[in-house]
Amino acid sequence: MTRPTIAITMGDPAGIGPEVIMKAFAHPEMLAMCNPLVIGDANRLRKAGEIVGARIGVDSLSDAKAANFASKNVQCVDLKIVPDDLPFGQMSPIAGEAAYRYIEKAVEVVQSGFAQGICTAPLSKEALHAAGHKYPGHTELLAHLTGTPEVSMMLVSPKLRVIHVTTHIGLIDAIKKIEPGLVERVITRGHEVLVKAGIKNPKIGVCAINPHAGENGLFGYGEEAEKITPAVEVCQKKGWDVRGPLPADTLFFLAGRGDYDMVVAMYHDQGHGPIKVLGLESGVNITVGLPVIRTSVDHGTAFDIAGKGIADERSLLEALRQAVDLAPGAKAA
């Protein structure tokens, strides 16, 4: 099979995105598994390359179809948005606008059929908002750009897969939003991804909202019975191996040792905490439910170390591997 083309967005140009991209290109495995096409600013990548000591050039492309993947240089669709004097490590509406435009262009490239997936470097939500784009993050932005009414965030590490019922909203709002139909749709999206990944009958554990899954009404106000149990029962009637609602602390322990293929988390920190304890360098963010494949690093812009050349590229490499595995009709050579 031919190598898939993956559009890699540069993320916030004031963050560590440009550096981890240039570091990743130093790994031969990256070019072996895909045709990487960066969507960003060529001059910013060159500057990042100097910072990290990369021995590779950057080709500035006006169009994705001009990419030469036989070249040893980074192939970059150059949007030429970032001024040369934009400082690293500082929030900027200019950088927020650039991050938005990179995503917009990547969606266009994938929808045209030239690329088979998107892999995103981190953006700054504050910078995105300062530029006038009021989205909580990549997930919601991509849903908007692709006209998708509802998507789910899945975090993947070597030992754990977690899909979220709610993400970037407050805890009280999350509890209000959770209802059986939503829980069922999230389980369904997760089940579909696992089956496509080759797991024929995935074992899925569903977290409770309250400690000890409510302890038969001792904790909470019956949220488990009202909001989660009906969805689990519907999925079980489909013949799926879905269990819950289960106490989250116990479920994550069991999933971490391999008893479950995926955990369904009810809210952001319930799912993110266990993944990040396992190490940011190993985590990957997958947006489930989009008409395009999208994976991402599971870390932020790290403004505190941006421009210092010390950012870790391993999460980006893992995100690329996941994008290649999910890409339609193509696998790494």
C-alpha atoms as a PDB file:
ATOM      1  CA  MET A   1       0.000   0.000   0.000  1.00  0.00           C
ATOM      2  CA  THR A   2       1.127   3.556  -0.609  1.00  0.00           C
ATOM      3  CA  ARG A   3       2.073   5.803   2.270  1.00  0.00           C
ATOM      4  CA  PRO A   4      -0.785   8.110   3.284  1.00  0.00           C
ATOM      5  CA  THR A   5      -0.303  11.846   3.129  1.00  0.00           C
ATOM      6  CA  ILE A   6      -0.877  13.462   6.521  1.00  0.00           C
ATOM      7  CA  ALA A   7      -1.406  17.215   6.833  1.00  0.00           C
ATOM      8  CA  ILE A   8       0.451  18.433   9.932  1.00  0.00           C
ATOM      9  CA  THR A   9      -0.741  21.796  11.216  1.00  0.00           C
ATOM     10  CA  MET A  10       1.903  23.968  12.880  1.00  0.00           C
ATOM     11  CA  GLY A  11      -0.351  24.975  15.774  1.00  0.00           C
ATOM     12  CA  ASP A  12       0.267  28.244  17.579  1.00  0.00           C
ATOM     13  CA  PRO A  13       3.485  29.590  16.014  1.00  0.00           C
ATOM     14  CA  ALA A  14       4.501  31.144  19.342  1.00  0.00           C
ATOM     15  CA  GLY A  15       4.338  27.759  21.053  1.00  0.00           C
ATOM     16  CA  ILE A  16       6.393  24.585  20.735  1.00  0.00           C
ATOM     17  CA  GLY A  17       4.592  23.304  17.632  1.00  0.00           C
ATOM     18  CA  PRO A  18       7.219  24.449  15.101  1.00  0.00           C
ATOM     19  CA  GLU A  19      10.003  22.955  17.230  1.00  0.00           C
ATOM     20  CA  VAL A  20       8.445  19.526  17.751  1.00  0.00           C
ATOM     21  CA  ILE A  21       7.666  19.341  14.026  1.00  0.00           C
ATOM     22  CA  MET A  22      11.275  20.044  13.072  1.00  0.00           C
ATOM     23  CA  LYS A  23      12.505  17.568  15.683  1.00  0.00           C
ATOM     24  CA  ALA A  24      10.111  14.906  14.407  1.00  0.00           C
ATOM     25  CA  PHE A  25      11.511  15.208  10.876  1.00  0.00           C
ATOM     26  CA  ALA A  26      14.873  14.057  12.232  1.00  0.00           C
ATOM     27  CA  HIS A  27      13.351  10.599  12.829  1.00  0.00           C
ATOM     28  CA  PRO A  28      13.628   8.333   9.735  1.00  0.00           C
ATOM     29  CA  GLU A  29      10.475   6.477  10.823  1.00  0.00           C
ATOM     30  CA  MET A  30       8.398   9.594  10.160  1.00  0.00           C
ATOM     31  CA  LEU A  31       9.143   9.588   6.433  1.00  0.00           C
ATOM     32  CA  ALA A  32       8.856   5.800   6.332  1.00  0.00           C
ATOM     33  CA  MET A  33       5.281   5.723   7.615  1.00  0.00           C
ATOM     34  CA  CYS A  34       3.720   8.675   5.765  1.00  0.00           C
ATOM     35  CA  ASN A  35       4.122  11.625   3.425  1.00  0.00           C
ATOM     36  CA  PRO A  36       4.165  14.494   5.948  1.00  0.00           C
ATOM     37  CA  LEU A  37       2.850  17.809   4.641  1.00  0.00           C
ATOM     38  CA  VAL A  38       3.154  20.725   7.044  1.00  0.00           C
ATOM     39  CA  ILE A  39       0.535  23.483   6.912  1.00  0.00           C
ATOM     40  CA  GLY A  40       2.080  26.588   8.425  1.00  0.00           C
ATOM     41  CA  ASP A  41       4.722  29.242   7.829  1.00  0.00           C
ATOM     42  CA  ALA A  42       7.993  28.151   6.227  1.00  0.00           C
ATOM     43  CA  ASN A  43      10.095  30.908   7.803  1.00  0.00           C
ATOM     44  CA  ARG A  44       8.817  30.005  11.270  1.00  0.00           C
ATOM     45  CA  LEU A  45       9.774  26.387  10.689  1.00  0.00           C
ATOM     46  CA  ARG A  46      13.239  27.449   9.533  1.00  0.00           C
ATOM     47  CA  LYS A  47      13.677  29.527  12.681  1.00  0.00           C
ATOM     48  CA  ALA A  48      12.517  26.600  14.815  1.00  0.00           C
ATOM     49  CA  GLY A  49      14.923  24.360  12.928  1.00  0.00           C
ATOM     50  CA  GLU A  50      17.805  26.656  13.882  1.00  0.00           C
ATOM     51  CA  ILE A  51      16.684  26.591  17.517  1.00  0.00           C
ATOM     52  CA  VAL A  52      16.596  22.791  17.716  1.00  0.00           C
ATOM     53  CA  GLY A  53      19.648  22.254  15.533  1.00  0.00           C
ATOM     54  CA  ALA A  54      17.776  20.474  12.744  1.00  0.00           C
ATOM     55  CA  ARG A  55      19.829  19.630   9.670  1.00  0.00           C
ATOM     56  CA  ILE A  56      16.984  19.815   7.210  1.00  0.00           C
ATOM     57  CA  GLY A  57      15.658  22.502   4.896  1.00  0.00           C
ATOM     58  CA  VAL A  58      12.104  23.731   4.430  1.00  0.00           C
ATOM     59  CA  ASP A  59      10.468  24.067   1.020  1.00  0.00           C
ATOM     60  CA  SER A  60       7.866  26.835   0.751  1.00  0.00           C
ATOM     61  CA  LEU A  61       4.851  25.677  -1.264  1.00  0.00           C
ATOM     62  CA  SER A  62       1.988  27.791  -2.550  1.00  0.00           C
ATOM     63  CA  ASP A  63      -0.124  24.686  -3.139  1.00  0.00           C
ATOM     64  CA  ALA A  64      -0.228  21.223  -1.569  1.00  0.00           C
ATOM     65  CA  LYS A  65      -0.043  19.551  -4.986  1.00  0.00           C
ATOM     66  CA  ALA A  66       3.445  21.020  -5.463  1.00  0.00           C
ATOM     67  CA  ALA A  67       4.809  18.850  -2.650  1.00  0.00           C
ATOM     68  CA  ASN A  68       7.835  16.705  -3.500  1.00  0.00           C
ATOM     69  CA  PHE A  69       7.895  13.898  -0.966  1.00  0.00           C
ATOM     70  CA  ALA A  70      11.046  12.460  -2.546  1.00  0.00           C
ATOM     71  CA  SER A  71      12.874  15.529  -1.244  1.00  0.00           C
ATOM     72  CA  LYS A  72      14.669  15.407   2.096  1.00  0.00           C
ATOM     73  CA  ASN A  73      13.335  18.872   2.902  1.00  0.00           C
ATOM     74  CA  VAL A  74      10.209  19.602   4.927  1.00  0.00           C
ATOM     75  CA  GLN A  75       7.303  20.194   2.558  1.00  0.00           C
ATOM     76  CA  CYS A  76       5.347  23.193   3.881  1.00  0.00           C
ATOM     77  CA  VAL A  77       2.215  24.775   2.453  1.00  0.00           C
ATOM     78  CA  ASP A  78       3.306  28.298   3.339  1.00  0.00           C
ATOM     79  CA  LEU A  79       0.488  30.630   4.410  1.00  0.00           C
ATOM     80  CA  LYS A  80       2.969  33.448   5.216  1.00  0.00           C
ATOM     81  CA  ILE A  81       1.009  34.851   8.137  1.00  0.00           C
ATOM     82  CA  VAL A  82       3.604  35.067  10.907  1.00  0.00           C
ATOM     83  CA  PRO A  83       5.881  38.127  11.069  1.00  0.00           C
ATOM     84  CA  ASP A  84       9.583  37.375  11.538  1.00  0.00           C
ATOM     85  CA  ASP A  85       9.704  39.228  14.854  1.00  0.00           C
ATOM     86  CA  LEU A  86       6.835  37.302  16.505  1.00  0.00           C
ATOM     87  CA  PRO A  87       8.289  36.242  19.885  1.00  0.00           C
ATOM     88  CA  PHE A  88       8.133  32.671  21.109  1.00  0.00           C
ATOM     89  CA  GLY A  89       6.373  32.011  24.387  1.00  0.00           C
ATOM     90  CA  GLN A  90       3.872  34.882  24.313  1.00  0.00           C
ATOM     91  CA  MET A  91       0.150  34.834  23.631  1.00  0.00           C
ATOM     92  CA  SER A  92      -0.656  36.767  20.468  1.00  0.00           C
ATOM     93  CA  PRO A  93      -3.845  37.280  18.439  1.00  0.00           C
ATOM     94  CA  ILE A  94      -1.667  37.114  15.318  1.00  0.00           C
ATOM     95  CA  ALA A  95      -0.566  33.632  16.339  1.00  0.00           C
ATOM     96  CA  GLY A  96      -4.171  32.706  17.148  1.00  0.00           C
ATOM     97  CA  GLU A  97      -5.278  33.789  13.683  1.00  0.00           C
ATOM     98  CA  ALA A  98      -2.452  31.807  12.112  1.00  0.00           C
ATOM     99  CA  ALA A  99      -3.387  28.656  14.058  1.00  0.00           C
ATOM    100  CA  TYR A 100      -6.978  28.989  12.829  1.00  0.00           C
ATOM    101  CA  ARG A 101      -5.895  29.425   9.209  1.00  0.00           C
ATOM    102  CA  TYR A 102      -3.629  26.375   9.367  1.00  0.00           C
ATOM    103  CA  ILE A 103      -6.546  24.205  10.488  1.00  0.00           C
ATOM    104  CA  GLU A 104      -8.832  25.709   7.873  1.00  0.00           C
ATOM    105  CA  LYS A 105      -6.294  24.954   5.125  1.00  0.00           C
ATOM    106  CA  ALA A 106      -5.665  21.410   6.392  1.00  0.00           C
ATOM    107  CA  VAL A 107      -9.389  20.616   6.235  1.00  0.00           C
ATOM    108  CA  GLU A 108      -9.445  21.940   2.669  1.00  0.00           C
ATOM    109  CA  VAL A 109      -6.444  19.765   1.697  1.00  0.00           C
ATOM    110  CA  VAL A 110      -8.006  16.617   3.178  1.00  0.00           C
ATOM    111  CA  GLN A 111     -11.450  17.264   1.752  1.00  0.00           C
ATOM    112  CA  SER A 112      -9.864  17.711  -1.691  1.00  0.00           C
ATOM    113  CA  GLY A 113      -8.574  14.149  -1.403  1.00  0.00           C
ATOM    114  CA  PHE A 114      -4.877  15.075  -1.509  1.00  0.00           C
ATOM    115  CA  ALA A 115      -4.259  14.122   2.134  1.00  0.00           C
ATOM    116  CA  GLN A 116      -5.817  11.284   4.116  1.00  0.00           C
ATOM    117  CA  GLY A 117      -5.621  12.738   7.612  1.00  0.00           C
ATOM    118  CA  ILE A 118      -4.769  15.692   9.833  1.00  0.00           C
ATOM    119  CA  CYS A 119      -2.290  15.714  12.717  1.00  0.00           C
ATOM    120  CA  THR A 120      -2.350  18.889  14.796  1.00  0.00           C
ATOM    121  CA  ALA A 121       0.335  20.590  16.852  1.00  0.00           C
ATOM    122  CA  PRO A 122      -1.067  22.479  19.879  1.00  0.00           C
ATOM    123  CA  LEU A 123      -2.832  25.838  19.706  1.00  0.00           C
ATOM    124  CA  SER A 124      -3.577  28.392  22.415  1.00  0.00           C
ATOM    125  CA  LYS A 125      -7.273  28.746  23.212  1.00  0.00           C
ATOM    126  CA  GLU A 126      -6.594  32.237  24.575  1.00  0.00           C
ATOM    127  CA  ALA A 127      -4.852  33.302  21.365  1.00  0.00           C
ATOM    128  CA  LEU A 128      -7.593  31.726  19.262  1.00  0.00           C
ATOM    129  CA  HIS A 129     -10.214  33.718  21.170  1.00  0.00           C
ATOM    130  CA  ALA A 130      -8.126  36.898  20.967  1.00  0.00           C
ATOM    131  CA  ALA A 131      -8.176  36.494  17.184  1.00  0.00           C
ATOM    132  CA  GLY A 132     -11.976  36.387  17.248  1.00  0.00           C
ATOM    133  CA  HIS A 133     -12.453  32.630  16.865  1.00  0.00           C
ATOM    134  CA  LYS A 134     -14.581  31.605  19.828  1.00  0.00           C
ATOM    135  CA  TYR A 135     -14.032  27.859  19.968  1.00  0.00           C
ATOM    136  CA  PRO A 136     -13.039  25.894  23.085  1.00  0.00           C
ATOM    137  CA  GLY A 137     -10.355  24.062  21.130  1.00  0.00           C
ATOM    138  CA  HIS A 138      -9.368  22.020  18.083  1.00  0.00           C
ATOM    139  CA  THR A 139     -12.196  19.521  18.511  1.00  0.00           C
ATOM    140  CA  GLU A 140     -15.006  22.067  18.308  1.00  0.00           C
ATOM    141  CA  LEU A 141     -13.226  24.078  15.595  1.00  0.00           C
ATOM    142  CA  LEU A 142     -12.856  21.036  13.365  1.00  0.00           C
ATOM    143  CA  ALA A 143     -16.490  20.117  13.930  1.00  0.00           C
ATOM    144  CA  HIS A 144     -17.473  23.594  12.743  1.00  0.00           C
ATOM    145  CA  LEU A 145     -15.206  23.569   9.683  1.00  0.00           C
ATOM    146  CA  THR A 146     -16.470  20.159   8.561  1.00  0.00           C
ATOM    147  CA  GLY A 147     -20.133  20.816   9.356  1.00  0.00           C
ATOM    148  CA  THR A 148     -20.237  18.011  11.910  1.00  0.00           C
ATOM    149  CA  PRO A 149     -22.954  18.458  14.565  1.00  0.00           C
ATOM    150  CA  GLU A 150     -21.358  16.283  17.246  1.00  0.00           C
ATOM    151  CA  VAL A 151     -17.915  14.753  17.794  1.00  0.00           C
ATOM    152  CA  SER A 152     -16.091  13.088  20.668  1.00  0.00           C
ATOM    153  CA  MET A 153     -12.578  13.397  22.047  1.00  0.00           C
ATOM    154  CA  MET A 154     -10.627  10.182  22.501  1.00  0.00           C
ATOM    155  CA  LEU A 155      -7.264  10.047  24.261  1.00  0.00           C
ATOM    156  CA  VAL A 156      -5.000   7.110  23.496  1.00  0.00           C
ATOM    157  CA  SER A 157      -1.842   5.939  25.226  1.00  0.00           C
ATOM    158  CA  PRO A 158      -0.029   2.593  24.959  1.00  0.00           C
ATOM    159  CA  LYS A 159      -1.978   1.288  27.982  1.00  0.00           C
ATOM    160  CA  LEU A 160      -5.281   3.151  27.880  1.00  0.00           C
ATOM    161  CA  ARG A 161      -7.986   4.491  25.565  1.00  0.00           C
ATOM    162  CA  VAL A 162     -10.485   7.030  26.906  1.00  0.00           C
ATOM    163  CA  ILE A 163     -13.427   8.641  25.098  1.00  0.00           C
ATOM    164  CA  HIS A 164     -15.228  11.600  26.670  1.00  0.00           C
ATOM    165  CA  VAL A 165     -18.941  12.295  26.943  1.00  0.00           C
ATOM    166  CA  THR A 166     -18.238  15.967  27.730  1.00  0.00           C
ATOM    167  CA  THR A 167     -14.993  17.935  27.467  1.00  0.00           C
ATOM    168  CA  HIS A 168     -14.455  21.686  27.562  1.00  0.00           C
ATOM    169  CA  ILE A 169     -17.250  22.791  29.859  1.00  0.00           C
ATOM    170  CA  GLY A 170     -17.502  23.292  33.613  1.00  0.00           C
ATOM    171  CA  LEU A 171     -18.261  20.334  35.840  1.00  0.00           C
ATOM    172  CA  ILE A 172     -21.756  21.510  36.820  1.00  0.00           C
ATOM    173  CA  ASP A 173     -22.595  22.145  33.156  1.00  0.00           C
ATOM    174  CA  ALA A 174     -21.187  18.735  32.230  1.00  0.00           C
ATOM    175  CA  ILE A 175     -23.480  16.944  34.675  1.00  0.00           C
ATOM    176  CA  LYS A 176     -26.453  18.844  33.271  1.00  0.00           C
ATOM    177  CA  LYS A 177     -25.477  17.971  29.702  1.00  0.00           C
ATOM    178  CA  ILE A 178     -25.038  14.236  30.272  1.00  0.00           C
ATOM    179  CA  GLU A 179     -28.126  12.267  29.223  1.00  0.00           C
ATOM    180  CA  PRO A 180     -28.735   8.729  27.917  1.00  0.00           C
ATOM    181  CA  GLY A 181     -28.857   9.655  24.232  1.00  0.00           C
ATOM    182  CA  LEU A 182     -25.523  11.469  24.388  1.00  0.00           C
ATOM    183  CA  VAL A 183     -23.869   8.664  26.352  1.00  0.00           C
ATOM    184  CA  GLU A 184     -25.135   6.092  23.849  1.00  0.00           C
ATOM    185  CA  ARG A 185     -23.819   8.110  20.880  1.00  0.00           C
ATOM    186  CA  VAL A 186     -20.386   8.465  22.475  1.00  0.00           C
ATOM    187  CA  ILE A 187     -20.182   4.736  23.219  1.00  0.00           C
ATOM    188  CA  THR A 188     -21.215   4.049  19.624  1.00  0.00           C
ATOM    189  CA  ARG A 189     -18.524   6.319  18.167  1.00  0.00           C
ATOM    190  CA  GLY A 190     -15.900   4.689  20.354  1.00  0.00           C
ATOM    191  CA  HIS A 191     -17.081   1.193  19.460  1.00  0.00           C
ATOM    192  CA  GLU A 192     -16.878   2.017  15.740  1.00  0.00           C
ATOM    193  CA  VAL A 193     -13.299   3.289  16.022  1.00  0.00           C
ATOM    194  CA  LEU A 194     -12.142   0.204  17.910  1.00  0.00           C
ATOM    195  CA  VAL A 195     -13.772  -2.150  15.410  1.00  0.00           C
ATOM    196  CA  LYS A 196     -12.093  -0.262  12.539  1.00  0.00           C
ATOM    197  CA  ALA A 197      -8.800  -0.641  14.399  1.00  0.00           C
ATOM    198  CA  GLY A 198      -9.235  -4.416  14.293  1.00  0.00           C
ATOM    199  CA  ILE A 199     -10.769  -5.137  17.720  1.00  0.00           C
ATOM    200  CA  LYS A 200     -13.744  -7.307  16.762  1.00  0.00           C
ATOM    201  CA  ASN A 201     -15.668  -7.235  20.055  1.00  0.00           C
ATOM    202  CA  PRO A 202     -14.188  -4.470  22.190  1.00  0.00           C
ATOM    203  CA  LYS A 203     -14.747  -4.495  25.919  1.00  0.00           C
ATOM    204  CA  ILE A 204     -15.929  -1.039  26.993  1.00  0.00           C
ATOM    205  CA  GLY A 205     -16.165   0.232  30.565  1.00  0.00           C
ATOM    206  CA  VAL A 206     -18.391   3.228  31.335  1.00  0.00           C
ATOM    207  CA  CYS A 207     -17.516   5.545  34.227  1.00  0.00           C
ATOM    208  CA  ALA A 208     -20.030   6.697  36.787  1.00  0.00           C
ATOM    209  CA  ILE A 209     -20.351  10.382  37.652  1.00  0.00           C
ATOM    210  CA  ASN A 210     -20.316  10.013  41.437  1.00  0.00           C
ATOM    211  CA  PRO A 211     -17.808   8.275  43.744  1.00  0.00           C
ATOM    212  CA  HIS A 212     -18.439   4.522  44.089  1.00  0.00           C
ATOM    213  CA  ALA A 213     -20.977   4.829  41.229  1.00  0.00           C
ATOM    214  CA  GLY A 214     -23.343   6.552  43.658  1.00  0.00           C
ATOM    215  CA  GLU A 215     -23.206   3.731  46.255  1.00  0.00           C
ATOM    216  CA  ASN A 216     -26.890   2.878  45.700  1.00  0.00           C
ATOM    217  CA  GLY A 217     -28.007   6.446  46.252  1.00  0.00           C
ATOM    218  CA  LEU A 218     -25.596   7.357  49.050  1.00  0.00           C
ATOM    219  CA  PHE A 219     -23.716   9.823  46.810  1.00  0.00           C
ATOM    220  CA  GLY A 220     -25.392  12.160  44.358  1.00  0.00           C
ATOM    221  CA  TYR A 221     -29.008  12.306  43.242  1.00  0.00           C
ATOM    222  CA  GLY A 222     -29.412   9.146  41.185  1.00  0.00           C
ATOM    223  CA  GLU A 223     -27.449  10.456  38.178  1.00  0.00           C
ATOM    224  CA  GLU A 224     -26.125   7.013  37.275  1.00  0.00           C
ATOM    225  CA  ALA A 225     -29.572   5.414  37.025  1.00  0.00           C
ATOM    226  CA  GLU A 226     -31.044   8.401  35.217  1.00  0.00           C
ATOM    227  CA  LYS A 227     -28.276   9.420  32.819  1.00  0.00           C
ATOM    228  CA  ILE A 228     -25.967   6.447  32.187  1.00  0.00           C
ATOM    229  CA  THR A 229     -27.601   3.063  32.856  1.00  0.00           C
ATOM    230  CA  PRO A 230     -30.221   3.381  30.068  1.00  0.00           C
ATOM    231  CA  ALA A 231     -27.491   4.022  27.488  1.00  0.00           C
ATOM    232  CA  VAL A 232     -25.448   1.052  28.681  1.00  0.00           C
ATOM    233  CA  GLU A 233     -28.493  -1.206  28.458  1.00  0.00           C
ATOM    234  CA  VAL A 234     -29.261  -0.082  24.886  1.00  0.00           C
ATOM    235  CA  CYS A 235     -25.682  -0.880  23.833  1.00  0.00           C
ATOM    236  CA  GLN A 236     -25.813  -4.262  25.568  1.00  0.00           C
ATOM    237  CA  LYS A 237     -28.962  -5.135  23.607  1.00  0.00           C
ATOM    238  CA  LYS A 238     -26.901  -4.603  20.432  1.00  0.00           C
ATOM    239  CA  GLY A 239     -24.674  -7.451  21.589  1.00  0.00           C
ATOM    240  CA  TRP A 240     -21.790  -5.187  22.585  1.00  0.00           C
ATOM    241  CA  ASP A 241     -19.602  -5.878  25.617  1.00  0.00           C
ATOM    242  CA  VAL A 242     -20.357  -2.661  27.510  1.00  0.00           C
ATOM    243  CA  ARG A 243     -20.291  -2.519  31.315  1.00  0.00           C
ATOM    244  CA  GLY A 244     -21.210   0.214  33.746  1.00  0.00           C
ATOM    245  CA  PRO A 245     -21.691   2.637  35.219  1.00  0.00           C
ATOM    246  CA  LEU A 246     -18.592   1.660  37.217  1.00  0.00           C
ATOM    247  CA  PRO A 247     -16.578   3.558  39.856  1.00  0.00           C
ATOM    248  CA  ALA A 248     -14.038   5.545  37.855  1.00  0.00           C
ATOM    249  CA  ASP A 249     -11.073   4.892  40.149  1.00  0.00           C
ATOM    250  CA  THR A 250     -11.505   1.113  39.934  1.00  0.00           C
ATOM    251  CA  LEU A 251     -12.334   1.148  36.229  1.00  0.00           C
ATOM    252  CA  PHE A 252      -9.172   3.025  35.266  1.00  0.00           C
ATOM    253  CA  PHE A 253      -7.073   0.572  37.284  1.00  0.00           C
ATOM    254  CA  LEU A 254      -8.689  -2.377  35.515  1.00  0.00           C
ATOM    255  CA  ALA A 255      -8.362  -0.748  32.097  1.00  0.00           C
ATOM    256  CA  GLY A 256      -4.721   0.109  32.748  1.00  0.00           C
ATOM    257  CA  ARG A 257      -3.901  -3.541  33.315  1.00  0.00           C
ATOM    258  CA  GLY A 258      -5.706  -4.554  30.120  1.00  0.00           C
ATOM    259  CA  ASP A 259      -9.165  -5.673  31.265  1.00  0.00           C
ATOM    260  CA  TYR A 260     -10.933  -3.101  29.045  1.00  0.00           C
ATOM    261  CA  ASP A 261     -10.239  -1.860  25.514  1.00  0.00           C
ATOM    262  CA  MET A 262     -11.744   1.562  26.196  1.00  0.00           C
ATOM    263  CA  VAL A 263     -13.074   3.678  29.046  1.00  0.00           C
ATOM    264  CA  VAL A 264     -15.965   6.123  28.609  1.00  0.00           C
ATOM    265  CA  ALA A 265     -15.312   9.162  30.820  1.00  0.00           C
ATOM    266  CA  MET A 266     -18.128  11.502  31.763  1.00  0.00           C
ATOM    267  CA  TYR A 267     -16.147  14.747  31.969  1.00  0.00           C
ATOM    268  CA  HIS A 268     -12.784  16.290  31.050  1.00  0.00           C
ATOM    269  CA  ASP A 269     -10.629  15.722  34.120  1.00  0.00           C
ATOM    270  CA  GLN A 270     -12.057  12.270  34.809  1.00  0.00           C
ATOM    271  CA  GLY A 271     -10.560  11.079  31.530  1.00  0.00           C
ATOM    272  CA  HIS A 272      -7.566  13.355  31.092  1.00  0.00           C
ATOM    273  CA  GLY A 273      -6.063  12.775  34.540  1.00  0.00           C
ATOM    274  CA  PRO A 274      -5.264   9.056  34.170  1.00  0.00           C
ATOM    275  CA  ILE A 275      -3.893   9.511  30.642  1.00  0.00           C
ATOM    276  CA  LYS A 276      -1.593  12.348  31.650  1.00  0.00           C
ATOM    277  CA  VAL A 277      -0.304  10.463  34.681  1.00  0.00           C
ATOM    278  CA  LEU A 278       0.973   7.884  32.192  1.00  0.00           C
ATOM    279  CA  GLY A 279       3.053  10.583  30.478  1.00  0.00           C
ATOM    280  CA  LEU A 280       2.349  13.444  28.078  1.00  0.00           C
ATOM    281  CA  GLU A 281       4.911  12.112  25.617  1.00  0.00           C
ATOM    282  CA  SER A 282       2.866   8.952  25.055  1.00  0.00           C
ATOM    283  CA  GLY A 283      -0.626  10.443  24.761  1.00  0.00           C
ATOM    284  CA  VAL A 284      -2.523  11.116  21.540  1.00  0.00           C
ATOM    285  CA  ASN A 285      -5.778  13.009  21.042  1.00  0.00           C
ATOM    286  CA  ILE A 286      -8.166  11.651  18.377  1.00  0.00           C
ATOM    287  CA  THR A 287     -11.321  13.460  17.292  1.00  0.00           C
ATOM    288  CA  VAL A 288     -13.974  10.785  16.727  1.00  0.00           C
ATOM    289  CA  GLY A 289     -16.985  11.380  14.495  1.00  0.00           C
ATOM    290  CA  LEU A 290     -15.452  13.767  11.952  1.00  0.00           C
ATOM    291  CA  PRO A 291     -15.596  13.017   8.219  1.00  0.00           C
ATOM    292  CA  VAL A 292     -11.778  13.396   8.262  1.00  0.00           C
ATOM    293  CA  ILE A 293      -9.134  11.651  10.347  1.00  0.00           C
ATOM    294  CA  ARG A 294      -7.676  13.928  13.013  1.00  0.00           C
ATOM    295  CA  THR A 295      -5.103  13.128  15.661  1.00  0.00           C
ATOM    296  CA  SER A 296      -3.136  15.462  17.888  1.00  0.00           C
ATOM    297  CA  VAL A 297      -0.439  15.681  20.495  1.00  0.00           C
ATOM    298  CA  ASP A 298      -1.791  15.486  24.022  1.00  0.00           C
ATOM    299  CA  HIS A 299       0.007  18.543  25.345  1.00  0.00           C
ATOM    300  CA  GLY A 300      -0.336  22.296  25.112  1.00  0.00           C
ATOM    301  CA  THR A 301       1.670  25.103  23.585  1.00  0.00           C
ATOM    302  CA  ALA A 302       4.126  25.118  26.526  1.00  0.00           C
ATOM    303  CA  PHE A 303       4.844  28.829  26.228  1.00  0.00           C
ATOM    304  CA  ASP A 304       7.217  28.530  29.204  1.00  0.00           C
ATOM    305  CA  ILE A 305       9.716  26.484  27.168  1.00  0.00           C
ATOM    306  CA  ALA A 306       8.859  27.635  23.619  1.00  0.00           C
ATOM    307  CA  GLY A 307      11.883  28.864  21.696  1.00  0.00           C
ATOM    308  CA  LYS A 308      14.353  27.007  23.927  1.00  0.00           C
ATOM    309  CA  GLY A 309      14.711  23.887  21.786  1.00  0.00           C
ATOM    310  CA  ILE A 310      13.914  21.457  24.598  1.00  0.00           C
ATOM    311  CA  ALA A 311      10.344  20.413  23.680  1.00  0.00           C
ATOM    312  CA  ASP A 312       9.694  16.669  23.372  1.00  0.00           C
ATOM    313  CA  GLU A 313       8.570  15.452  19.943  1.00  0.00           C
ATOM    314  CA  ARG A 314       7.504  11.925  20.934  1.00  0.00           C
ATOM    315  CA  SER A 315       3.798  12.736  21.291  1.00  0.00           C
ATOM    316  CA  LEU A 316       3.759  14.159  17.752  1.00  0.00           C
ATOM    317  CA  LEU A 317       5.390  11.003  16.381  1.00  0.00           C
ATOM    318  CA  GLU A 318       2.823   8.852  18.185  1.00  0.00           C
ATOM    319  CA  ALA A 319      -0.012  11.053  16.879  1.00  0.00           C
ATOM    320  CA  LEU A 320       1.296  10.553  13.349  1.00  0.00           C
ATOM    321  CA  ARG A 321       1.363   6.778  13.858  1.00  0.00           C
ATOM    322  CA  GLN A 322      -2.270   6.857  14.980  1.00  0.00           C
ATOM    323  CA  ALA A 323      -3.234   9.012  11.973  1.00  0.00           C
ATOM    324  CA  VAL A 324      -1.548   6.530   9.630  1.00  0.00           C
ATOM    325  CA  ASP A 325      -3.315   3.575  11.298  1.00  0.00           C
ATOM    326  CA  LEU A 326      -6.698   5.288  10.901  1.00  0.00           C
ATOM    327  CA  ALA A 327      -6.120   6.691   7.396  1.00  0.00           C
ATOM    328  CA  PRO A 328      -8.546   5.207   4.848  1.00  0.00           C
ATOM    329  CA  GLY A 329      -7.104   2.809   2.308  1.00  0.00           C
ATOM    330  CA  ALA A 330      -3.459   3.289   3.195  1.00  0.00           C
ATOM    331  CA  LYS A 331      -0.903   2.003   5.647  1.00  0.00           C
ATOM    332  CA  ALA A 332       2.714   2.776   6.276  1.00  0.00           C
ATOM    333  CA  ALA A 333       5.124   1.114   3.891  1.00  0.00           C
END
